[in-house]
PDB file of N, CA and C in Angstrom:
ATOM      1  N   MET A   1     -10.172 -16.236  13.252  1.00  0.00           N
ATOM      2  CA  MET A   1     -10.352 -15.439  12.279  1.00  0.00           C
ATOM      3  C   MET A   1     -11.827 -15.279  11.856  1.00  0.00           C
ATOM      4  N   LYS A   2     -12.641 -16.308  12.212  1.00  0.00           N
ATOM      5  CA  LYS A   2     -14.106 -16.231  11.882  1.00  0.00           C
ATOM      6  C   LYS A   2     -14.926 -14.935  12.438  1.00  0.00           C
ATOM      7  N   ASP A   3     -14.439 -14.868  13.842  1.00  0.00           N
ATOM      8  CA  ASP A   3     -14.623 -13.416  14.402  1.00  0.00           C
ATOM      9  C   ASP A   3     -14.431 -12.288  13.899  1.00  0.00           C
ATOM     10  N   MET A   4     -12.994 -12.364  13.627  1.00  0.00           N
ATOM     11  CA  MET A   4     -12.189 -10.967  13.032  1.00  0.00           C
ATOM     12  C   MET A   4     -13.125 -10.889  11.696  1.00  0.00           C
ATOM     13  N   ALA A   5     -13.242 -11.874  10.641  1.00  0.00           N
ATOM     14  CA  ALA A   5     -14.088 -11.453   9.612  1.00  0.00           C
ATOM     15  C   ALA A   5     -15.436 -10.856   9.692  1.00  0.00           C
ATOM     16  N   GLU A   6     -16.119 -11.468  10.721  1.00  0.00           N
ATOM     17  CA  GLU A   6     -17.136 -10.990  10.803  1.00  0.00           C
ATOM     18  C   GLU A   6     -17.428  -9.695  11.562  1.00  0.00           C
ATOM     19  N   ALA A   7     -16.257  -9.287  12.281  1.00  0.00           N
ATOM     20  CA  ALA A   7     -16.185  -7.774  12.857  1.00  0.00           C
ATOM     21  C   ALA A   7     -15.726  -6.970  11.676  1.00  0.00           C
ATOM     22  N   LEU A   8     -15.074  -7.289  10.830  1.00  0.00           N
ATOM     23  CA  LEU A   8     -14.751  -6.767   9.416  1.00  0.00           C
ATOM     24  C   LEU A   8     -15.405  -6.750   8.207  1.00  0.00           C
ATOM     25  N   HIS A   9     -16.631  -7.515   8.340  1.00  0.00           N
ATOM     26  CA  HIS A   9     -17.806  -7.837   7.395  1.00  0.00           C
ATOM     27  C   HIS A   9     -16.931  -8.110   6.106  1.00  0.00           C
ATOM     28  N   VAL A  10     -15.829  -9.128   6.174  1.00  0.00           N
ATOM     29  CA  VAL A  10     -15.158  -9.632   4.957  1.00  0.00           C
ATOM     30  C   VAL A  10     -15.511 -11.200   5.419  1.00  0.00           C
ATOM     31  N   SER A  11     -15.034 -12.230   4.391  1.00  0.00           N
ATOM     32  CA  SER A  11     -15.062 -13.647   4.539  1.00  0.00           C
ATOM     33  C   SER A  11     -13.765 -14.042   5.208  1.00  0.00           C
ATOM     34  N   SER A  12     -13.908 -15.178   5.977  1.00  0.00           N
ATOM     35  CA  SER A  12     -12.706 -15.808   6.436  1.00  0.00           C
ATOM     36  C   SER A  12     -11.690 -16.210   5.570  1.00  0.00           C
ATOM     37  N   ALA A  13     -12.133 -16.382   4.405  1.00  0.00           N
ATOM     38  CA  ALA A  13     -11.284 -16.568   3.107  1.00  0.00           C
ATOM     39  C   ALA A  13     -10.266 -15.911   2.833  1.00  0.00           C
ATOM     40  N   TYR A  14     -11.029 -14.539   2.725  1.00  0.00           N
ATOM     41  CA  TYR A  14     -10.018 -13.371   2.210  1.00  0.00           C
ATOM     42  C   TYR A  14      -9.179 -13.077   3.380  1.00  0.00           C
ATOM     43  N   LEU A  15      -9.591 -13.155   4.665  1.00  0.00           N
ATOM     44  CA  LEU A  15      -8.406 -12.760   5.488  1.00  0.00           C
ATOM     45  C   LEU A  15      -7.500 -14.084   5.669  1.00  0.00           C
ATOM     46  N   SER A  16      -7.920 -14.927   5.516  1.00  0.00           N
ATOM     47  CA  SER A  16      -6.779 -16.112   5.078  1.00  0.00           C
ATOM     48  C   SER A  16      -5.941 -15.866   4.010  1.00  0.00           C
ATOM     49  N   ALA A  17      -6.161 -15.263   2.799  1.00  0.00           N
ATOM     50  CA  ALA A  17      -5.587 -15.001   2.053  1.00  0.00           C
ATOM     51  C   ALA A  17      -4.557 -13.988   2.153  1.00  0.00           C
ATOM     52  N   ILE A  18      -4.941 -12.741   2.877  1.00  0.00           N
ATOM     53  CA  ILE A  18      -4.087 -11.495   3.295  1.00  0.00           C
ATOM     54  C   ILE A  18      -3.050 -12.263   4.155  1.00  0.00           C
ATOM     55  N   GLU A  19      -3.706 -13.182   5.113  1.00  0.00           N
ATOM     56  CA  GLU A  19      -2.506 -13.781   5.999  1.00  0.00           C
ATOM     57  C   GLU A  19      -1.284 -14.458   4.998  1.00  0.00           C
ATOM     58  N   ARG A  20      -1.803 -15.370   3.980  1.00  0.00           N
ATOM     59  CA  ARG A  20      -1.005 -16.062   3.330  1.00  0.00           C
ATOM     60  C   ARG A  20      -0.041 -15.097   2.411  1.00  0.00           C
ATOM     61  N   GLY A  21      -0.443 -13.904   2.257  1.00  0.00           N
ATOM     62  CA  GLY A  21      -0.094 -13.099   1.037  1.00  0.00           C
ATOM     63  C   GLY A  21      -0.380 -13.160  -0.130  1.00  0.00           C
ATOM     64  N   LYS A  22      -1.757 -13.859  -0.412  1.00  0.00           N
ATOM     65  CA  LYS A  22      -2.046 -13.836  -1.779  1.00  0.00           C
ATOM     66  C   LYS A  22      -2.597 -12.648  -2.048  1.00  0.00           C
ATOM     67  N   LYS A  23      -3.471 -12.165  -0.952  1.00  0.00           N
ATOM     68  CA  LYS A  23      -3.858 -10.636  -1.351  1.00  0.00           C
ATOM     69  C   LYS A  23      -3.641  -9.908  -0.453  1.00  0.00           C
ATOM     70  N   ALA A  24      -3.588  -8.635  -0.789  1.00  0.00           N
ATOM     71  CA  ALA A  24      -3.449  -7.197   0.018  1.00  0.00           C
ATOM     72  C   ALA A  24      -4.304  -6.927   0.642  1.00  0.00           C
ATOM     73  N   PRO A  25      -4.610  -6.521   1.878  1.00  0.00           N
ATOM     74  CA  PRO A  25      -5.585  -5.919   2.387  1.00  0.00           C
ATOM     75  C   PRO A  25      -6.162  -4.899   1.922  1.00  0.00           C
ATOM     76  N   SER A  26      -7.829  -4.715   1.883  1.00  0.00           N
ATOM     77  CA  SER A  26      -8.231  -3.655   1.244  1.00  0.00           C
ATOM     78  C   SER A  26      -8.295  -2.001   2.261  1.00  0.00           C
ATOM     79  N   GLU A  27      -8.371  -1.023   1.573  1.00  0.00           N
ATOM     80  CA  GLU A  27      -8.844   0.085   2.526  1.00  0.00           C
ATOM     81  C   GLU A  27      -9.887  -0.332   3.363  1.00  0.00           C
ATOM     82  N   LYS A  28     -11.047  -0.717   3.110  1.00  0.00           N
ATOM     83  CA  LYS A  28     -11.742  -1.407   4.079  1.00  0.00           C
ATOM     84  C   LYS A  28     -11.675  -2.180   5.279  1.00  0.00           C
ATOM     85  N   VAL A  29     -10.714  -2.993   4.961  1.00  0.00           N
ATOM     86  CA  VAL A  29     -10.141  -3.914   6.019  1.00  0.00           C
ATOM     87  C   VAL A  29      -9.243  -3.239   7.093  1.00  0.00           C
ATOM     88  N   LEU A  30      -8.460  -2.370   6.243  1.00  0.00           N
ATOM     89  CA  LEU A  30      -7.379  -1.311   7.322  1.00  0.00           C
ATOM     90  C   LEU A  30      -8.504  -0.588   8.036  1.00  0.00           C
ATOM     91  N   SER A  31      -8.785  -0.443   7.393  1.00  0.00           N
ATOM     92  CA  SER A  31     -10.138   0.928   8.308  1.00  0.00           C
ATOM     93  C   SER A  31     -10.690   0.268   9.373  1.00  0.00           C
ATOM     94  N   GLY A  32     -11.460  -0.827   9.430  1.00  0.00           N
ATOM     95  CA  GLY A  32     -12.053  -1.636  10.231  1.00  0.00           C
ATOM     96  C   GLY A  32     -10.970  -1.892  11.378  1.00  0.00           C
ATOM     97  N   LEU A  33      -9.905  -2.506  11.016  1.00  0.00           N
ATOM     98  CA  LEU A  33      -8.823  -2.909  12.243  1.00  0.00           C
ATOM     99  C   LEU A  33      -8.868  -1.746  12.914  1.00  0.00           C
ATOM    100  N   LYS A  34      -8.625  -0.553  12.565  1.00  0.00           N
ATOM    101  CA  LYS A  34      -8.218   0.412  13.293  1.00  0.00           C
ATOM    102  C   LYS A  34      -9.609   0.712  14.035  1.00  0.00           C
ATOM    103  N   LEU A  35     -10.684   0.675  13.629  1.00  0.00           N
ATOM    104  CA  LEU A  35     -11.731   1.075  14.476  1.00  0.00           C
ATOM    105  C   LEU A  35     -12.292   0.151  15.161  1.00  0.00           C
ATOM    106  N   HIS A  36     -12.175  -1.088  15.036  1.00  0.00           N
ATOM    107  CA  HIS A  36     -12.731  -2.460  15.563  1.00  0.00           C
ATOM    108  C   HIS A  36     -11.573  -2.399  16.625  1.00  0.00           C
ATOM    109  N   TYR A  37     -10.529  -2.456  16.715  1.00  0.00           N
ATOM    110  CA  TYR A  37      -9.438  -2.959  17.481  1.00  0.00           C
ATOM    111  C   TYR A  37      -8.997  -1.596  18.193  1.00  0.00           C
ATOM    112  N   SER A  38      -9.429  -0.586  17.870  1.00  0.00           N
ATOM    113  CA  SER A  38      -9.293   0.922  18.730  1.00  0.00           C
ATOM    114  C   SER A  38      -8.014   0.846  18.825  1.00  0.00           C
ATOM    115  N   LEU A  39      -7.100   1.044  17.732  1.00  0.00           N
ATOM    116  CA  LEU A  39      -5.605   1.149  17.491  1.00  0.00           C
ATOM    117  C   LEU A  39      -5.188   2.437  17.980  1.00  0.00           C
ATOM    118  N   SER A  40      -4.099   2.484  18.552  1.00  0.00           N
ATOM    119  CA  SER A  40      -3.394   3.516  18.716  1.00  0.00           C
ATOM    120  C   SER A  40      -3.008   4.443  17.436  1.00  0.00           C
ATOM    121  N   PRO A  41      -2.731   5.541  17.477  1.00  0.00           N
ATOM    122  CA  PRO A  41      -2.131   6.112  16.043  1.00  0.00           C
ATOM    123  C   PRO A  41      -1.049   5.595  15.697  1.00  0.00           C
ATOM    124  N   LYS A  42      -0.197   5.061  16.869  1.00  0.00           N
ATOM    125  CA  LYS A  42       1.542   4.518  16.432  1.00  0.00           C
ATOM    126  C   LYS A  42       0.918   3.234  15.727  1.00  0.00           C
ATOM    127  N   GLU A  43       0.065   2.178  16.588  1.00  0.00           N
ATOM    128  CA  GLU A  43      -0.640   0.929  15.646  1.00  0.00           C
ATOM    129  C   GLU A  43      -0.889   1.274  14.527  1.00  0.00           C
ATOM    130  N   ALA A  44      -1.807   2.057  14.075  1.00  0.00           N
ATOM    131  CA  ALA A  44      -2.510   2.110  13.139  1.00  0.00           C
ATOM    132  C   ALA A  44      -1.463   2.620  12.209  1.00  0.00           C
ATOM    133  N   HIS A  45      -0.665   3.323  12.309  1.00  0.00           N
ATOM    134  CA  HIS A  45       0.873   3.536  11.204  1.00  0.00           C
ATOM    135  C   HIS A  45       1.480   2.131  10.964  1.00  0.00           C
ATOM    136  N   GLU A  46       1.836   1.170  12.158  1.00  0.00           N
ATOM    137  CA  GLU A  46       2.493   0.044  11.774  1.00  0.00           C
ATOM    138  C   GLU A  46       1.542  -0.753  10.832  1.00  0.00           C
ATOM    139  N   VAL A  47       0.335  -0.794  11.180  1.00  0.00           N
ATOM    140  CA  VAL A  47      -0.514  -1.535  10.443  1.00  0.00           C
ATOM    141  C   VAL A  47      -0.387  -1.105   8.666  1.00  0.00           C
ATOM    142  N   GLU A  48      -0.695   0.246   8.796  1.00  0.00           N
ATOM    143  CA  GLU A  48      -0.454   0.815   7.495  1.00  0.00           C
ATOM    144  C   GLU A  48       0.867   0.602   6.544  1.00  0.00           C
ATOM    145  N   GLU A  49       1.994   0.826   7.573  1.00  0.00           N
ATOM    146  CA  GLU A  49       3.069   0.515   6.796  1.00  0.00           C
ATOM    147  C   GLU A  49       3.323  -1.045   6.485  1.00  0.00           C
ATOM    148  N   ALA A  50       2.950  -1.881   7.069  1.00  0.00           N
ATOM    149  CA  ALA A  50       2.964  -3.500   7.008  1.00  0.00           C
ATOM    150  C   ALA A  50       2.182  -3.816   5.657  1.00  0.00           C
ATOM    151  N   ALA A  51       1.098  -3.010   5.476  1.00  0.00           N
ATOM    152  CA  ALA A  51       0.053  -3.461   4.433  1.00  0.00           C
ATOM    153  C   ALA A  51       0.981  -2.968   3.042  1.00  0.00           C
ATOM    154  N   ALA A  52       1.367  -1.392   3.298  1.00  0.00           N
ATOM    155  CA  ALA A  52       2.207  -0.827   2.011  1.00  0.00           C
ATOM    156  C   ALA A  52       3.249  -1.793   1.646  1.00  0.00           C
ATOM    157  N   LEU A  53       4.104  -2.595   2.325  1.00  0.00           N
ATOM    158  CA  LEU A  53       5.073  -3.393   2.118  1.00  0.00           C
ATOM    159  C   LEU A  53       4.488  -4.347   1.603  1.00  0.00           C
ATOM    160  N   SER A  54       3.760  -4.692   1.830  1.00  0.00           N
ATOM    161  CA  SER A  54       2.795  -6.059   1.018  1.00  0.00           C
ATOM    162  C   SER A  54       2.022  -6.216  -0.209  1.00  0.00           C
ATOM    163  N   GLN A  55       2.236  -4.766  -0.703  1.00  0.00           N
ATOM    164  CA  GLN A  55       1.782  -4.219  -1.989  1.00  0.00           C
ATOM    165  C   GLN A  55       2.956  -4.952  -2.835  1.00  0.00           C
ATOM    166  N   THR A  56       2.182  -5.562  -3.970  1.00  0.00           N
ATOM    167  CA  THR A  56       3.126  -6.300  -4.993  1.00  0.00           C
ATOM    168  C   THR A  56       2.993  -5.446  -6.667  1.00  0.00           C
ATOM    169  N   THR A  57       1.680  -4.838  -6.410  1.00  0.00           N
ATOM    170  CA  THR A  57       1.633  -3.397  -7.590  1.00  0.00           C
ATOM    171  C   THR A  57       1.275  -2.787  -7.047  1.00  0.00           C
ATOM    172  N   VAL A  58       1.061  -1.560  -8.016  1.00  0.00           N
ATOM    173  CA  VAL A  58       0.601  -0.199  -7.518  1.00  0.00           C
ATOM    174  C   VAL A  58       0.328   0.299  -8.826  1.00  0.00           C
ATOM    175  N   SER A  59      -1.058   0.565  -8.521  1.00  0.00           N
ATOM    176  CA  SER A  59      -1.534   1.792  -9.787  1.00  0.00           C
ATOM    177  C   SER A  59      -1.818   3.369  -9.455  1.00  0.00           C
ATOM    178  N   ILE A  60      -1.488   3.901 -10.594  1.00  0.00           N
ATOM    179  CA  ILE A  60      -1.435   5.517 -10.427  1.00  0.00           C
ATOM    180  C   ILE A  60      -2.467   6.040 -11.232  1.00  0.00           C
ATOM    181  N   ASP A  61      -3.493   6.644 -10.648  1.00  0.00           N
ATOM    182  CA  ASP A  61      -4.551   7.012 -11.595  1.00  0.00           C
ATOM    183  C   ASP A  61      -3.664   8.538 -12.209  1.00  0.00           C
ATOM    184  N   LEU A  62      -4.004   7.984 -13.667  1.00  0.00           N
ATOM    185  CA  LEU A  62      -3.504   9.411 -14.383  1.00  0.00           C
ATOM    186  C   LEU A  62      -4.881  10.182 -14.751  1.00  0.00           C
ATOM    187  N   HIS A  63      -5.808  10.139 -14.765  1.00  0.00           N
ATOM    188  CA  HIS A  63      -6.760  10.554 -15.159  1.00  0.00           C
ATOM    189  C   HIS A  63      -6.756  12.235 -14.810  1.00  0.00           C
ATOM    190  N   GLY A  64      -6.838  12.995 -15.682  1.00  0.00           N
ATOM    191  CA  GLY A  64      -6.705  14.412 -15.437  1.00  0.00           C
ATOM    192  C   GLY A  64      -5.263  15.014 -15.304  1.00  0.00           C
ATOM    193  N   SER A  65      -4.335  14.093 -15.517  1.00  0.00           N
ATOM    194  CA  SER A  65      -3.045  14.476 -15.730  1.00  0.00           C
ATOM    195  C   SER A  65      -2.644  14.649 -17.008  1.00  0.00           C
ATOM    196  N   ASP A  66      -1.633  15.920 -17.167  1.00  0.00           N
ATOM    197  CA  ASP A  66      -1.063  16.444 -18.654  1.00  0.00           C
ATOM    198  C   ASP A  66      -0.159  15.449 -19.008  1.00  0.00           C
ATOM    199  N   GLU A  67       0.172  15.654 -20.142  1.00  0.00           N
ATOM    200  CA  GLU A  67       1.073  14.818 -20.945  1.00  0.00           C
ATOM    201  C   GLU A  67       2.582  14.855 -19.966  1.00  0.00           C
ATOM    202  N   GLU A  68       3.168  15.566 -19.481  1.00  0.00           N
ATOM    203  CA  GLU A  68       4.425  15.631 -19.135  1.00  0.00           C
ATOM    204  C   GLU A  68       4.290  14.353 -17.841  1.00  0.00           C
ATOM    205  N   GLU A  69       3.199  14.542 -17.047  1.00  0.00           N
ATOM    206  CA  GLU A  69       2.831  13.863 -15.843  1.00  0.00           C
ATOM    207  C   GLU A  69       2.638  12.466 -16.211  1.00  0.00           C
ATOM    208  N   ARG A  70       2.044  12.253 -17.314  1.00  0.00           N
ATOM    209  CA  ARG A  70       1.953  10.785 -17.624  1.00  0.00           C
ATOM    210  C   ARG A  70       3.346   9.847 -18.063  1.00  0.00           C
ATOM    211  N   MET A  71       3.915  10.847 -18.873  1.00  0.00           N
ATOM    212  CA  MET A  71       5.254  10.309 -19.414  1.00  0.00           C
ATOM    213  C   MET A  71       6.312  10.307 -18.095  1.00  0.00           C
ATOM    214  N   LEU A  72       6.212  10.938 -17.237  1.00  0.00           N
ATOM    215  CA  LEU A  72       7.232  10.970 -15.623  1.00  0.00           C
ATOM    216  C   LEU A  72       6.673   9.519 -15.529  1.00  0.00           C
ATOM    217  N   ALA A  73       5.307   9.072 -15.399  1.00  0.00           N
ATOM    218  CA  ALA A  73       5.028   8.417 -14.580  1.00  0.00           C
ATOM    219  C   ALA A  73       5.265   7.004 -15.026  1.00  0.00           C
ATOM    220  N   VAL A  74       5.216   6.872 -16.667  1.00  0.00           N
ATOM    221  CA  VAL A  74       5.629   5.785 -17.398  1.00  0.00           C
ATOM    222  C   VAL A  74       7.424   5.378 -17.668  1.00  0.00           C
ATOM    223  N   SER A  75       7.841   6.505 -17.694  1.00  0.00           N
ATOM    224  CA  SER A  75       9.245   6.664 -17.652  1.00  0.00           C
ATOM    225  C   SER A  75       9.696   5.948 -16.373  1.00  0.00           C
ATOM    226  N   PHE A  76       9.401   6.548 -14.969  1.00  0.00           N
ATOM    227  CA  PHE A  76       9.551   5.803 -13.840  1.00  0.00           C
ATOM    228  C   PHE A  76       9.346   4.299 -14.035  1.00  0.00           C
ATOM    229  N   ALA A  77       8.200   3.844 -14.369  1.00  0.00           N
ATOM    230  CA  ALA A  77       7.807   2.644 -14.377  1.00  0.00           C
ATOM    231  C   ALA A  77       8.665   1.579 -14.981  1.00  0.00           C
ATOM    232  N   ARG A  78       8.985   1.848 -16.096  1.00  0.00           N
ATOM    233  CA  ARG A  78       9.999   1.474 -17.358  1.00  0.00           C
ATOM    234  C   ARG A  78      11.404   1.305 -16.367  1.00  0.00           C
ATOM    235  N   LYS A  79      11.822   2.198 -15.746  1.00  0.00           N
ATOM    236  CA  LYS A  79      13.394   2.254 -14.915  1.00  0.00           C
ATOM    237  C   LYS A  79      13.378   1.861 -13.740  1.00  0.00           C
ATOM    238  N   PHE A  80      12.222   1.367 -13.217  1.00  0.00           N
ATOM    239  CA  PHE A  80      12.126   1.299 -11.793  1.00  0.00           C
ATOM    240  C   PHE A  80      13.009   0.266 -11.443  1.00  0.00           C
ATOM    241  N   LYS A  81      12.952  -1.251 -11.980  1.00  0.00           N
ATOM    242  CA  LYS A  81      13.244  -2.347 -11.589  1.00  0.00           C
ATOM    243  C   LYS A  81      15.066  -2.028 -11.773  1.00  0.00           C
ATOM    244  N   GLY A  82      15.652  -1.064 -12.552  1.00  0.00           N
ATOM    245  CA  GLY A  82      16.759  -0.903 -12.907  1.00  0.00           C
ATOM    246  C   GLY A  82      17.455   0.350 -11.947  1.00  0.00           C
ATOM    247  N   LEU A  83      17.373   0.631 -11.262  1.00  0.00           N
ATOM    248  CA  LEU A  83      17.639   1.809 -10.266  1.00  0.00           C
ATOM    249  C   LEU A  83      18.816   1.219  -9.357  1.00  0.00           C
ATOM    250  N   GLU A  84      19.720   1.980  -9.072  1.00  0.00           N
ATOM    251  CA  GLU A  84      20.784   1.806  -8.480  1.00  0.00           C
ATOM    252  C   GLU A  84      20.306   1.930  -7.258  1.00  0.00           C
ATOM    253  N   ASP A  85      21.077   1.483  -6.210  1.00  0.00           N
ATOM    254  CA  ASP A  85      20.821   2.216  -4.748  1.00  0.00           C
ATOM    255  C   ASP A  85      20.928   3.615  -4.065  1.00  0.00           C
ATOM    256  N   PHE A  86      21.964   4.081  -4.696  1.00  0.00           N
ATOM    257  CA  PHE A  86      22.098   5.604  -4.807  1.00  0.00           C
ATOM    258  C   PHE A  86      21.114   6.483  -5.271  1.00  0.00           C
ATOM    259  N   GLN A  87      20.724   5.613  -6.429  1.00  0.00           N
ATOM    260  CA  GLN A  87      19.174   6.601  -7.185  1.00  0.00           C
ATOM    261  C   GLN A  87      18.172   6.212  -6.249  1.00  0.00           C
ATOM    262  N   LYS A  88      17.743   5.366  -5.790  1.00  0.00           N
ATOM    263  CA  LYS A  88      16.705   5.060  -4.934  1.00  0.00           C
ATOM    264  C   LYS A  88      16.739   6.012  -3.654  1.00  0.00           C
ATOM    265  N   ASP A  89      17.854   6.230  -3.195  1.00  0.00           N
ATOM    266  CA  ASP A  89      18.275   7.056  -2.114  1.00  0.00           C
ATOM    267  C   ASP A  89      17.938   8.412  -2.461  1.00  0.00           C
ATOM    268  N   GLN A  90      18.380   8.860  -3.503  1.00  0.00           N
ATOM    269  CA  GLN A  90      18.047  10.276  -4.186  1.00  0.00           C
ATOM    270  C   GLN A  90      16.544  10.256  -4.208  1.00  0.00           C
ATOM    271  N   LEU A  91      15.872   9.508  -4.704  1.00  0.00           N
ATOM    272  CA  LEU A  91      14.783   9.619  -5.165  1.00  0.00           C
ATOM    273  C   LEU A  91      13.683   9.916  -3.630  1.00  0.00           C
ATOM    274  N   VAL A  92      14.130   9.019  -2.654  1.00  0.00           N
ATOM    275  CA  VAL A  92      13.330   9.081  -1.239  1.00  0.00           C
ATOM    276  C   VAL A  92      13.434  10.437  -0.678  1.00  0.00           C
ATOM    277  N   LYS A  93      14.680  10.967  -0.890  1.00  0.00           N
ATOM    278  CA  LYS A  93      15.430  12.218   0.146  1.00  0.00           C
ATOM    279  C   LYS A  93      14.556  13.359  -0.641  1.00  0.00           C
ATOM    280  N   LEU A  94      14.135  13.103  -2.106  1.00  0.00           N
ATOM    281  CA  LEU A  94      13.597  14.173  -2.929  1.00  0.00           C
ATOM    282  C   LEU A  94      11.843  14.137  -2.606  1.00  0.00           C
ATOM    283  N   LEU A  95      11.432  12.832  -2.833  1.00  0.00           N
ATOM    284  CA  LEU A  95      10.169  12.765  -2.295  1.00  0.00           C
ATOM    285  C   LEU A  95       9.293  13.075  -0.870  1.00  0.00           C
ATOM    286  N   ASN A  96      10.551  13.061  -0.123  1.00  0.00           N
ATOM    287  CA  ASN A  96      10.576  13.571   1.446  1.00  0.00           C
ATOM    288  C   ASN A  96      10.725  14.834   1.866  1.00  0.00           C
ATOM    289  N   GLY A  97      11.110  15.725   0.756  1.00  0.00           N
ATOM    290  CA  GLY A  97      11.514  16.927   1.015  1.00  0.00           C
ATOM    291  C   GLY A  97      12.881  17.103   1.628  1.00  0.00           C
ATOM    292  N   GLU A  98      13.647  16.062   1.445  1.00  0.00           N
ATOM    293  CA  GLU A  98      14.772  16.410   2.234  1.00  0.00           C
ATOM    294  C   GLU A  98      15.973  17.148   1.147  1.00  0.00           C
TER     295      GLU A  98
END
């Protein structure tokens, strides 16, 4: 872990926290992993997906958004936990352009 931390220019304590699920990997760590370990596009995508799945919070930058966009983001955040499975499926299809 010490060698990896040095290669990625982060502390081994930070890597340990990522490993234990206490912290999410930063963009710096993800980029460093891809570059240092010469990950294939498929491997890089898998790392990005794993990092996304480990996120417990999401922040949306609403700077420059109009009132309608801000209201949409706030409404979604308020109702997110109460969505039914079919509603989640519909949203995924909509966001994926299906």
